[in-house]
Amino acid sequence: MGIKTTPFDVADYLDSPEAVGAYLEEAFATSDTALIALAIGDVARAKGMTAVAKKTGLSRESLYKSLSETGNPELGTILKVMEAIGFSLSPKNQDSTQAA
């Protein structure tokens, strides 16, 4: 008898603000725009894509498409989704010796 497995879905484990924050931080640290969009999509699925769509005013279908592996979301979409999932984007000075 073989081993029974089930597909892994990271959205099943994004069940706290801390988990979501850590997941998004790791995605943003890669600077890979496709991975970042996919990670934001994973969080949106964890929060409930219907609820996120309602909060953003965008359709579920367009969110699934733009936040997929092959999607290319506009900055406006990213900002709306980040707000809907309880996070924001903010600039961070990478050179800590430079005065603001």
PDB file of N, CA and C in Angstrom:
ATOM      1  N   MET A   1       0.843  -1.172   0.000  1.00  0.00           N
ATOM      2  CA  MET A   1       0.000   0.000   0.000  1.00  0.00           C
ATOM      3  C   MET A   1       0.893   1.241   0.000  1.00  0.00           C
ATOM      4  N   GLY A   2       0.574   2.210  -0.881  1.00  0.00           N
ATOM      5  CA  GLY A   2       1.369   3.421  -1.008  1.00  0.00           C
ATOM      6  C   GLY A   2       1.013   4.457   0.044  1.00  0.00           C
ATOM      7  N   ILE A   3       1.855   5.430   0.129  1.00  0.00           N
ATOM      8  CA  ILE A   3       1.632   6.540   1.054  1.00  0.00           C
ATOM      9  C   ILE A   3       0.653   7.514   0.420  1.00  0.00           C
ATOM     10  N   LYS A   4      -0.339   7.919   1.193  1.00  0.00           N
ATOM     11  CA  LYS A   4      -1.305   8.884   0.698  1.00  0.00           C
ATOM     12  C   LYS A   4      -0.820  10.294   1.057  1.00  0.00           C
ATOM     13  N   THR A   5      -0.756  11.158   0.056  1.00  0.00           N
ATOM     14  CA  THR A   5      -0.332  12.537   0.288  1.00  0.00           C
ATOM     15  C   THR A   5      -1.424  13.495  -0.168  1.00  0.00           C
ATOM     16  N   THR A   6      -1.355  14.700   0.328  1.00  0.00           N
ATOM     17  CA  THR A   6      -2.274  15.741  -0.106  1.00  0.00           C
ATOM     18  C   THR A   6      -1.445  16.934  -0.561  1.00  0.00           C
ATOM     19  N   PRO A   7      -1.956  17.702  -1.489  1.00  0.00           N
ATOM     20  CA  PRO A   7      -1.194  18.869  -1.966  1.00  0.00           C
ATOM     21  C   PRO A   7      -0.951  19.874  -0.840  1.00  0.00           C
ATOM     22  N   PHE A   8       0.228  20.464  -0.848  1.00  0.00           N
ATOM     23  CA  PHE A   8       0.574  21.488   0.142  1.00  0.00           C
ATOM     24  C   PHE A   8       0.020  22.824  -0.327  1.00  0.00           C
ATOM     25  N   ASP A   9      -0.626  23.554   0.550  1.00  0.00           N
ATOM     26  CA  ASP A   9      -1.114  24.891   0.257  1.00  0.00           C
ATOM     27  C   ASP A   9      -0.691  25.802   1.392  1.00  0.00           C
ATOM     28  N   VAL A  10       0.230  26.716   1.094  1.00  0.00           N
ATOM     29  CA  VAL A  10       0.754  27.608   2.124  1.00  0.00           C
ATOM     30  C   VAL A  10      -0.350  28.434   2.763  1.00  0.00           C
ATOM     31  N   ALA A  11      -1.416  28.715   2.029  1.00  0.00           N
ATOM     32  CA  ALA A  11      -2.525  29.519   2.578  1.00  0.00           C
ATOM     33  C   ALA A  11      -3.123  28.879   3.825  1.00  0.00           C
ATOM     34  N   ASP A  12      -3.026  27.561   3.934  1.00  0.00           N
ATOM     35  CA  ASP A  12      -3.547  26.860   5.112  1.00  0.00           C
ATOM     36  C   ASP A  12      -2.770  27.206   6.385  1.00  0.00           C
ATOM     37  N   TYR A  13      -1.553  27.732   6.230  1.00  0.00           N
ATOM     38  CA  TYR A  13      -0.686  28.003   7.374  1.00  0.00           C
ATOM     39  C   TYR A  13      -0.533  29.496   7.677  1.00  0.00           C
ATOM     40  N   LEU A  14      -1.179  30.327   6.881  1.00  0.00           N
ATOM     41  CA  LEU A  14      -1.104  31.773   7.088  1.00  0.00           C
ATOM     42  C   LEU A  14      -2.273  32.198   7.951  1.00  0.00           C
ATOM     43  N   ASP A  15      -2.223  31.763   9.207  1.00  0.00           N
ATOM     44  CA  ASP A  15      -3.379  31.897  10.095  1.00  0.00           C
ATOM     45  C   ASP A  15      -3.189  32.910  11.231  1.00  0.00           C
ATOM     46  N   SER A  16      -2.123  33.717  11.141  1.00  0.00           N
ATOM     47  CA  SER A  16      -1.922  34.763  12.146  1.00  0.00           C
ATOM     48  C   SER A  16      -1.218  35.942  11.475  1.00  0.00           C
ATOM     49  N   PRO A  17      -1.376  37.135  12.042  1.00  0.00           N
ATOM     50  CA  PRO A  17      -0.667  38.292  11.477  1.00  0.00           C
ATOM     51  C   PRO A  17       0.851  38.093  11.460  1.00  0.00           C
ATOM     52  N   GLU A  18       1.370  37.402  12.454  1.00  0.00           N
ATOM     53  CA  GLU A  18       2.809  37.153  12.510  1.00  0.00           C
ATOM     54  C   GLU A  18       3.263  36.241  11.371  1.00  0.00           C
ATOM     55  N   ALA A  19       2.489  35.186  11.104  1.00  0.00           N
ATOM     56  CA  ALA A  19       2.823  34.264  10.021  1.00  0.00           C
ATOM     57  C   ALA A  19       2.747  34.969   8.675  1.00  0.00           C
ATOM     58  N   VAL A  20       1.703  35.768   8.490  1.00  0.00           N
ATOM     59  CA  VAL A  20       1.545  36.508   7.240  1.00  0.00           C
ATOM     60  C   VAL A  20       2.692  37.503   7.072  1.00  0.00           C
ATOM     61  N   GLY A  21       3.015  38.233   8.131  1.00  0.00           N
ATOM     62  CA  GLY A  21       4.103  39.211   8.065  1.00  0.00           C
ATOM     63  C   GLY A  21       5.432  38.565   7.713  1.00  0.00           C
ATOM     64  N   ALA A  22       5.743  37.459   8.345  1.00  0.00           N
ATOM     65  CA  ALA A  22       6.998  36.760   8.071  1.00  0.00           C
ATOM     66  C   ALA A  22       7.034  36.245   6.639  1.00  0.00           C
ATOM     67  N   TYR A  23       5.914  35.715   6.176  1.00  0.00           N
ATOM     68  CA  TYR A  23       5.825  35.195   4.806  1.00  0.00           C
ATOM     69  C   TYR A  23       6.045  36.306   3.788  1.00  0.00           C
ATOM     70  N   LEU A  24       5.373  37.436   3.989  1.00  0.00           N
ATOM     71  CA  LEU A  24       5.529  38.555   3.058  1.00  0.00           C
ATOM     72  C   LEU A  24       6.935  39.140   3.119  1.00  0.00           C
ATOM     73  N   GLU A  25       7.523  39.233   4.309  1.00  0.00           N
ATOM     74  CA  GLU A  25       8.895  39.741   4.438  1.00  0.00           C
ATOM     75  C   GLU A  25       9.869  38.888   3.639  1.00  0.00           C
ATOM     76  N   GLU A  26       9.717  37.578   3.741  1.00  0.00           N
ATOM     77  CA  GLU A  26      10.615  36.679   2.997  1.00  0.00           C
ATOM     78  C   GLU A  26      10.424  36.843   1.492  1.00  0.00           C
ATOM     79  N   ALA A  27       9.178  36.987   1.058  1.00  0.00           N
ATOM     80  CA  ALA A  27       8.915  37.172  -0.368  1.00  0.00           C
ATOM     81  C   ALA A  27       9.518  38.484  -0.861  1.00  0.00           C
ATOM     82  N   PHE A  28       9.305  39.575  -0.116  1.00  0.00           N
ATOM     83  CA  PHE A  28       9.845  40.872  -0.521  1.00  0.00           C
ATOM     84  C   PHE A  28      11.369  40.879  -0.496  1.00  0.00           C
ATOM     85  N   ALA A  29      11.979  40.120   0.392  1.00  0.00           N
ATOM     86  CA  ALA A  29      13.440  40.070   0.494  1.00  0.00           C
ATOM     87  C   ALA A  29      14.083  39.506  -0.769  1.00  0.00           C
ATOM     88  N   THR A  30      13.332  38.725  -1.538  1.00  0.00           N
ATOM     89  CA  THR A  30      13.879  38.144  -2.764  1.00  0.00           C
ATOM     90  C   THR A  30      13.965  39.146  -3.903  1.00  0.00           C
ATOM     91  N   SER A  31      13.167  40.219  -3.843  1.00  0.00           N
ATOM     92  CA  SER A  31      13.050  41.208  -4.927  1.00  0.00           C
ATOM     93  C   SER A  31      12.535  40.587  -6.219  1.00  0.00           C
ATOM     94  N   ASP A  32      11.991  39.391  -6.153  1.00  0.00           N
ATOM     95  CA  ASP A  32      11.413  38.700  -7.308  1.00  0.00           C
ATOM     96  C   ASP A  32       9.943  39.112  -7.409  1.00  0.00           C
ATOM     97  N   THR A  33       9.619  39.949  -8.387  1.00  0.00           N
ATOM     98  CA  THR A  33       8.272  40.507  -8.472  1.00  0.00           C
ATOM     99  C   THR A  33       7.203  39.436  -8.659  1.00  0.00           C
ATOM    100  N   ALA A  34       7.509  38.388  -9.400  1.00  0.00           N
ATOM    101  CA  ALA A  34       6.532  37.311  -9.593  1.00  0.00           C
ATOM    102  C   ALA A  34       6.273  36.586  -8.273  1.00  0.00           C
ATOM    103  N   LEU A  35       7.322  36.335  -7.510  1.00  0.00           N
ATOM    104  CA  LEU A  35       7.181  35.660  -6.216  1.00  0.00           C
ATOM    105  C   LEU A  35       6.423  36.542  -5.232  1.00  0.00           C
ATOM    106  N   ILE A  36       6.690  37.837  -5.253  1.00  0.00           N
ATOM    107  CA  ILE A  36       5.984  38.760  -4.363  1.00  0.00           C
ATOM    108  C   ILE A  36       4.498  38.767  -4.674  1.00  0.00           C
ATOM    109  N   ALA A  37       4.152  38.865  -5.957  1.00  0.00           N
ATOM    110  CA  ALA A  37       2.736  38.857  -6.348  1.00  0.00           C
ATOM    111  C   ALA A  37       2.079  37.546  -5.943  1.00  0.00           C
ATOM    112  N   LEU A  38       2.779  36.434  -6.133  1.00  0.00           N
ATOM    113  CA  LEU A  38       2.243  35.125  -5.755  1.00  0.00           C
ATOM    114  C   LEU A  38       2.035  35.037  -4.245  1.00  0.00           C
ATOM    115  N   ALA A  39       2.985  35.554  -3.472  1.00  0.00           N
ATOM    116  CA  ALA A  39       2.860  35.535  -2.008  1.00  0.00           C
ATOM    117  C   ALA A  39       1.673  36.376  -1.554  1.00  0.00           C
ATOM    118  N   ILE A  40       1.495  37.540  -2.153  1.00  0.00           N
ATOM    119  CA  ILE A  40       0.341  38.371  -1.818  1.00  0.00           C
ATOM    120  C   ILE A  40      -0.948  37.638  -2.174  1.00  0.00           C
ATOM    121  N   GLY A  41      -0.938  36.928  -3.283  1.00  0.00           N
ATOM    122  CA  GLY A  41      -2.095  36.115  -3.665  1.00  0.00           C
ATOM    123  C   GLY A  41      -2.362  34.992  -2.679  1.00  0.00           C
ATOM    124  N   ASP A  42      -1.295  34.372  -2.175  1.00  0.00           N
ATOM    125  CA  ASP A  42      -1.457  33.315  -1.166  1.00  0.00           C
ATOM    126  C   ASP A  42      -2.124  33.875   0.087  1.00  0.00           C
ATOM    127  N   VAL A  43      -1.687  35.059   0.500  1.00  0.00           N
ATOM    128  CA  VAL A  43      -2.273  35.685   1.689  1.00  0.00           C
ATOM    129  C   VAL A  43      -3.731  36.052   1.426  1.00  0.00           C
ATOM    130  N   ALA A  44      -4.004  36.571   0.244  1.00  0.00           N
ATOM    131  CA  ALA A  44      -5.387  36.921  -0.111  1.00  0.00           C
ATOM    132  C   ALA A  44      -6.284  35.676  -0.079  1.00  0.00           C
ATOM    133  N   ARG A  45      -5.772  34.559  -0.566  1.00  0.00           N
ATOM    134  CA  ARG A  45      -6.551  33.313  -0.504  1.00  0.00           C
ATOM    135  C   ARG A  45      -6.765  32.885   0.939  1.00  0.00           C
ATOM    136  N   ALA A  46      -5.737  33.047   1.776  1.00  0.00           N
ATOM    137  CA  ALA A  46      -5.862  32.679   3.191  1.00  0.00           C
ATOM    138  C   ALA A  46      -6.914  33.540   3.886  1.00  0.00           C
ATOM    139  N   LYS A  47      -6.993  34.804   3.514  1.00  0.00           N
ATOM    140  CA  LYS A  47      -7.970  35.725   4.120  1.00  0.00           C
ATOM    141  C   LYS A  47      -9.361  35.544   3.522  1.00  0.00           C
ATOM    142  N   GLY A  48      -9.421  34.933   2.354  1.00  0.00           N
ATOM    143  CA  GLY A  48     -10.687  34.755   1.642  1.00  0.00           C
ATOM    144  C   GLY A  48     -10.735  35.691   0.453  1.00  0.00           C
ATOM    145  N   MET A  49     -10.556  35.146  -0.729  1.00  0.00           N
ATOM    146  CA  MET A  49     -10.470  35.976  -1.923  1.00  0.00           C
ATOM    147  C   MET A  49     -11.748  36.781  -2.155  1.00  0.00           C
ATOM    148  N   THR A  50     -12.887  36.227  -1.802  1.00  0.00           N
ATOM    149  CA  THR A  50     -14.143  36.966  -1.969  1.00  0.00           C
ATOM    150  C   THR A  50     -14.150  38.212  -1.100  1.00  0.00           C
ATOM    151  N   ALA A  51     -13.729  38.071   0.148  1.00  0.00           N
ATOM    152  CA  ALA A  51     -13.677  39.214   1.064  1.00  0.00           C
ATOM    153  C   ALA A  51     -12.660  40.250   0.592  1.00  0.00           C
ATOM    154  N   VAL A  52     -11.510  39.790   0.107  1.00  0.00           N
ATOM    155  CA  VAL A  52     -10.483  40.708  -0.387  1.00  0.00           C
ATOM    156  C   VAL A  52     -11.001  41.440  -1.624  1.00  0.00           C
ATOM    157  N   ALA A  53     -11.658  40.720  -2.502  1.00  0.00           N
ATOM    158  CA  ALA A  53     -12.224  41.345  -3.702  1.00  0.00           C
ATOM    159  C   ALA A  53     -13.227  42.426  -3.325  1.00  0.00           C
ATOM    160  N   LYS A  54     -14.066  42.124  -2.360  1.00  0.00           N
ATOM    161  CA  LYS A  54     -15.074  43.098  -1.927  1.00  0.00           C
ATOM    162  C   LYS A  54     -14.406  44.349  -1.351  1.00  0.00           C
ATOM    163  N   LYS A  55     -13.373  44.161  -0.518  1.00  0.00           N
ATOM    164  CA  LYS A  55     -12.681  45.304   0.091  1.00  0.00           C
ATOM    165  C   LYS A  55     -11.933  46.146  -0.933  1.00  0.00           C
ATOM    166  N   THR A  56     -11.430  45.519  -1.991  1.00  0.00           N
ATOM    167  CA  THR A  56     -10.643  46.244  -2.988  1.00  0.00           C
ATOM    168  C   THR A  56     -11.501  46.826  -4.102  1.00  0.00           C
ATOM    169  N   GLY A  57     -12.709  46.299  -4.268  1.00  0.00           N
ATOM    170  CA  GLY A  57     -13.544  46.731  -5.383  1.00  0.00           C
ATOM    171  C   GLY A  57     -13.154  46.077  -6.696  1.00  0.00           C
ATOM    172  N   LEU A  58     -12.313  45.060  -6.622  1.00  0.00           N
ATOM    173  CA  LEU A  58     -11.880  44.326  -7.811  1.00  0.00           C
ATOM    174  C   LEU A  58     -12.583  42.974  -7.843  1.00  0.00           C
ATOM    175  N   SER A  59     -12.649  42.369  -9.009  1.00  0.00           N
ATOM    176  CA  SER A  59     -13.310  41.066  -9.101  1.00  0.00           C
ATOM    177  C   SER A  59     -12.381  39.960  -8.611  1.00  0.00           C
ATOM    178  N   ARG A  60     -12.981  38.900  -8.094  1.00  0.00           N
ATOM    179  CA  ARG A  60     -12.209  37.731  -7.655  1.00  0.00           C
ATOM    180  C   ARG A  60     -11.362  37.204  -8.808  1.00  0.00           C
ATOM    181  N   GLU A  61     -11.988  37.114  -9.979  1.00  0.00           N
ATOM    182  CA  GLU A  61     -11.303  36.549 -11.141  1.00  0.00           C
ATOM    183  C   GLU A  61     -10.058  37.357 -11.503  1.00  0.00           C
ATOM    184  N   SER A  62     -10.187  38.699 -11.481  1.00  0.00           N
ATOM    185  CA  SER A  62      -9.023  39.516 -11.836  1.00  0.00           C
ATOM    186  C   SER A  62      -7.936  39.395 -10.763  1.00  0.00           C
ATOM    187  N   LEU A  63      -8.337  39.249  -9.508  1.00  0.00           N
ATOM    188  CA  LEU A  63      -7.339  39.070  -8.447  1.00  0.00           C
ATOM    189  C   LEU A  63      -6.616  37.736  -8.601  1.00  0.00           C
ATOM    190  N   TYR A  64      -7.369  36.660  -8.831  1.00  0.00           N
ATOM    191  CA  TYR A  64      -6.728  35.359  -9.035  1.00  0.00           C
ATOM    192  C   TYR A  64      -5.743  35.429 -10.198  1.00  0.00           C
ATOM    193  N   LYS A  65      -6.158  36.088 -11.278  1.00  0.00           N
ATOM    194  CA  LYS A  65      -5.308  36.165 -12.473  1.00  0.00           C
ATOM    195  C   LYS A  65      -4.059  37.004 -12.214  1.00  0.00           C
ATOM    196  N   SER A  66      -4.235  38.197 -11.647  1.00  0.00           N
ATOM    197  CA  SER A  66      -3.080  39.085 -11.478  1.00  0.00           C
ATOM    198  C   SER A  66      -2.140  38.632 -10.369  1.00  0.00           C
ATOM    199  N   LEU A  67      -2.644  37.885  -9.389  1.00  0.00           N
ATOM    200  CA  LEU A  67      -1.808  37.424  -8.284  1.00  0.00           C
ATOM    201  C   LEU A  67      -1.394  35.964  -8.434  1.00  0.00           C
ATOM    202  N   SER A  68      -1.332  35.509  -9.670  1.00  0.00           N
ATOM    203  CA  SER A  68      -0.906  34.136  -9.950  1.00  0.00           C
ATOM    204  C   SER A  68       0.564  34.119 -10.365  1.00  0.00           C
ATOM    205  N   GLU A  69       1.088  32.938 -10.627  1.00  0.00           N
ATOM    206  CA  GLU A  69       2.490  32.803 -11.049  1.00  0.00           C
ATOM    207  C   GLU A  69       2.763  33.555 -12.341  1.00  0.00           C
ATOM    208  N   THR A  70       1.779  33.644 -13.208  1.00  0.00           N
ATOM    209  CA  THR A  70       1.971  34.310 -14.496  1.00  0.00           C
ATOM    210  C   THR A  70       1.380  35.715 -14.527  1.00  0.00           C
ATOM    211  N   GLY A  71       0.826  36.158 -13.413  1.00  0.00           N
ATOM    212  CA  GLY A  71       0.206  37.477 -13.356  1.00  0.00           C
ATOM    213  C   GLY A  71       1.228  38.600 -13.317  1.00  0.00           C
ATOM    214  N   ASN A  72       0.761  39.783 -13.633  1.00  0.00           N
ATOM    215  CA  ASN A  72       1.611  40.967 -13.585  1.00  0.00           C
ATOM    216  C   ASN A  72       0.754  42.120 -13.075  1.00  0.00           C
ATOM    217  N   PRO A  73       0.476  42.140 -11.761  1.00  0.00           N
ATOM    218  CA  PRO A  73      -0.452  43.137 -11.224  1.00  0.00           C
ATOM    219  C   PRO A  73       0.104  44.558 -11.291  1.00  0.00           C
ATOM    220  N   GLU A  74      -0.805  45.502 -11.448  1.00  0.00           N
ATOM    221  CA  GLU A  74      -0.420  46.904 -11.400  1.00  0.00           C
ATOM    222  C   GLU A  74      -0.160  47.289  -9.948  1.00  0.00           C
ATOM    223  N   LEU A  75       0.606  48.345  -9.769  1.00  0.00           N
ATOM    224  CA  LEU A  75       0.916  48.804  -8.419  1.00  0.00           C
ATOM    225  C   LEU A  75      -0.359  49.136  -7.648  1.00  0.00           C
ATOM    226  N   GLY A  76      -1.331  49.720  -8.314  1.00  0.00           N
ATOM    227  CA  GLY A  76      -2.596  50.047  -7.667  1.00  0.00           C
ATOM    228  C   GLY A  76      -3.284  48.820  -7.107  1.00  0.00           C
ATOM    229  N   THR A  77      -3.231  47.725  -7.841  1.00  0.00           N
ATOM    230  CA  THR A  77      -3.823  46.467  -7.374  1.00  0.00           C
ATOM    231  C   THR A  77      -3.101  45.970  -6.133  1.00  0.00           C
ATOM    232  N   ILE A  78      -1.776  46.001  -6.170  1.00  0.00           N
ATOM    233  CA  ILE A  78      -0.975  45.555  -5.031  1.00  0.00           C
ATOM    234  C   ILE A  78      -1.311  46.390  -3.797  1.00  0.00           C
ATOM    235  N   LEU A  79      -1.376  47.704  -3.960  1.00  0.00           N
ATOM    236  CA  LEU A  79      -1.672  48.581  -2.822  1.00  0.00           C
ATOM    237  C   LEU A  79      -3.053  48.292  -2.249  1.00  0.00           C
ATOM    238  N   LYS A  80      -4.040  48.100  -3.102  1.00  0.00           N
ATOM    239  CA  LYS A  80      -5.393  47.801  -2.630  1.00  0.00           C
ATOM    240  C   LYS A  80      -5.442  46.470  -1.889  1.00  0.00           C
ATOM    241  N   VAL A  81      -4.787  45.465  -2.435  1.00  0.00           N
ATOM    242  CA  VAL A  81      -4.801  44.138  -1.802  1.00  0.00           C
ATOM    243  C   VAL A  81      -4.046  44.176  -0.481  1.00  0.00           C
ATOM    244  N   MET A  82      -2.897  44.828  -0.455  1.00  0.00           N
ATOM    245  CA  MET A  82      -2.133  44.916   0.794  1.00  0.00           C
ATOM    246  C   MET A  82      -2.981  45.568   1.883  1.00  0.00           C
ATOM    247  N   GLU A  83      -3.699  46.629   1.556  1.00  0.00           N
ATOM    248  CA  GLU A  83      -4.564  47.274   2.545  1.00  0.00           C
ATOM    249  C   GLU A  83      -5.686  46.329   2.969  1.00  0.00           C
ATOM    250  N   ALA A  84      -6.263  45.621   2.015  1.00  0.00           N
ATOM    251  CA  ALA A  84      -7.364  44.705   2.324  1.00  0.00           C
ATOM    252  C   ALA A  84      -6.938  43.561   3.237  1.00  0.00           C
ATOM    253  N   ILE A  85      -5.672  43.152   3.155  1.00  0.00           N
ATOM    254  CA  ILE A  85      -5.192  42.049   4.000  1.00  0.00           C
ATOM    255  C   ILE A  85      -4.559  42.556   5.293  1.00  0.00           C
ATOM    256  N   GLY A  86      -4.602  43.876   5.486  1.00  0.00           N
ATOM    257  CA  GLY A  86      -4.138  44.433   6.751  1.00  0.00           C
ATOM    258  C   GLY A  86      -2.671  44.814   6.787  1.00  0.00           C
ATOM    259  N   PHE A  87      -2.063  44.998   5.629  1.00  0.00           N
ATOM    260  CA  PHE A  87      -0.655  45.384   5.559  1.00  0.00           C
ATOM    261  C   PHE A  87      -0.510  46.582   4.639  1.00  0.00           C
ATOM    262  N   SER A  88       0.665  47.186   4.642  1.00  0.00           N
ATOM    263  CA  SER A  88       0.915  48.308   3.753  1.00  0.00           C
ATOM    264  C   SER A  88       2.340  48.216   3.224  1.00  0.00           C
ATOM    265  N   LEU A  89       2.581  48.962   2.180  1.00  0.00           N
ATOM    266  CA  LEU A  89       3.937  49.104   1.664  1.00  0.00           C
ATOM    267  C   LEU A  89       4.457  50.442   2.144  1.00  0.00           C
ATOM    268  N   SER A  90       5.685  50.456   2.585  1.00  0.00           N
ATOM    269  CA  SER A  90       6.268  51.725   2.988  1.00  0.00           C
ATOM    270  C   SER A  90       7.747  51.722   2.626  1.00  0.00           C
ATOM    271  N   PRO A  91       8.263  52.890   2.257  1.00  0.00           N
ATOM    272  CA  PRO A  91       9.672  52.956   1.879  1.00  0.00           C
ATOM    273  C   PRO A  91      10.580  52.717   3.082  1.00  0.00           C
ATOM    274  N   LYS A  92      11.680  52.069   2.823  1.00  0.00           N
ATOM    275  CA  LYS A  92      12.660  51.795   3.870  1.00  0.00           C
ATOM    276  C   LYS A  92      14.030  52.119   3.304  1.00  0.00           C
ATOM    277  N   ASN A  93      14.756  52.951   3.995  1.00  0.00           N
ATOM    278  CA  ASN A  93      16.094  53.336   3.571  1.00  0.00           C
ATOM    279  C   ASN A  93      17.016  52.136   3.734  1.00  0.00           C
ATOM    280  N   GLN A  94      17.630  51.705   2.632  1.00  0.00           N
ATOM    281  CA  GLN A  94      18.533  50.558   2.706  1.00  0.00           C
ATOM    282  C   GLN A  94      19.897  50.926   3.230  1.00  0.00           C
ATOM    283  N   ASP A  95      20.273  52.186   3.134  1.00  0.00           N
ATOM    284  CA  ASP A  95      21.557  52.654   3.636  1.00  0.00           C
ATOM    285  C   ASP A  95      21.337  53.287   5.002  1.00  0.00           C
ATOM    286  N   SER A  96      21.604  52.545   6.051  1.00  0.00           N
ATOM    287  CA  SER A  96      21.311  53.018   7.406  1.00  0.00           C
ATOM    288  C   SER A  96      22.204  54.193   7.820  1.00  0.00           C
ATOM    289  N   THR A  97      23.281  54.455   7.084  1.00  0.00           N
ATOM    290  CA  THR A  97      24.139  55.579   7.435  1.00  0.00           C
ATOM    291  C   THR A  97      23.663  56.870   6.801  1.00  0.00           C
ATOM    292  N   GLN A  98      22.765  56.774   5.852  1.00  0.00           N
ATOM    293  CA  GLN A  98      22.257  57.955   5.176  1.00  0.00           C
ATOM    294  C   GLN A  98      21.146  58.611   5.988  1.00  0.00           C
ATOM    295  N   ALA A  99      21.241  59.887   6.218  1.00  0.00           N
ATOM    296  CA  ALA A  99      20.223  60.609   6.961  1.00  0.00           C
ATOM    297  C   ALA A  99      19.001  60.829   6.092  1.00  0.00           C
ATOM    298  N   ALA A 100      17.837  60.794   6.712  1.00  0.00           N
ATOM    299  CA  ALA A 100      16.597  60.997   5.969  1.00  0.00           C
ATOM    300  C   ALA A 100      16.322  62.464   5.786  1.00  0.00           C
TER     301      ALA A 100
END
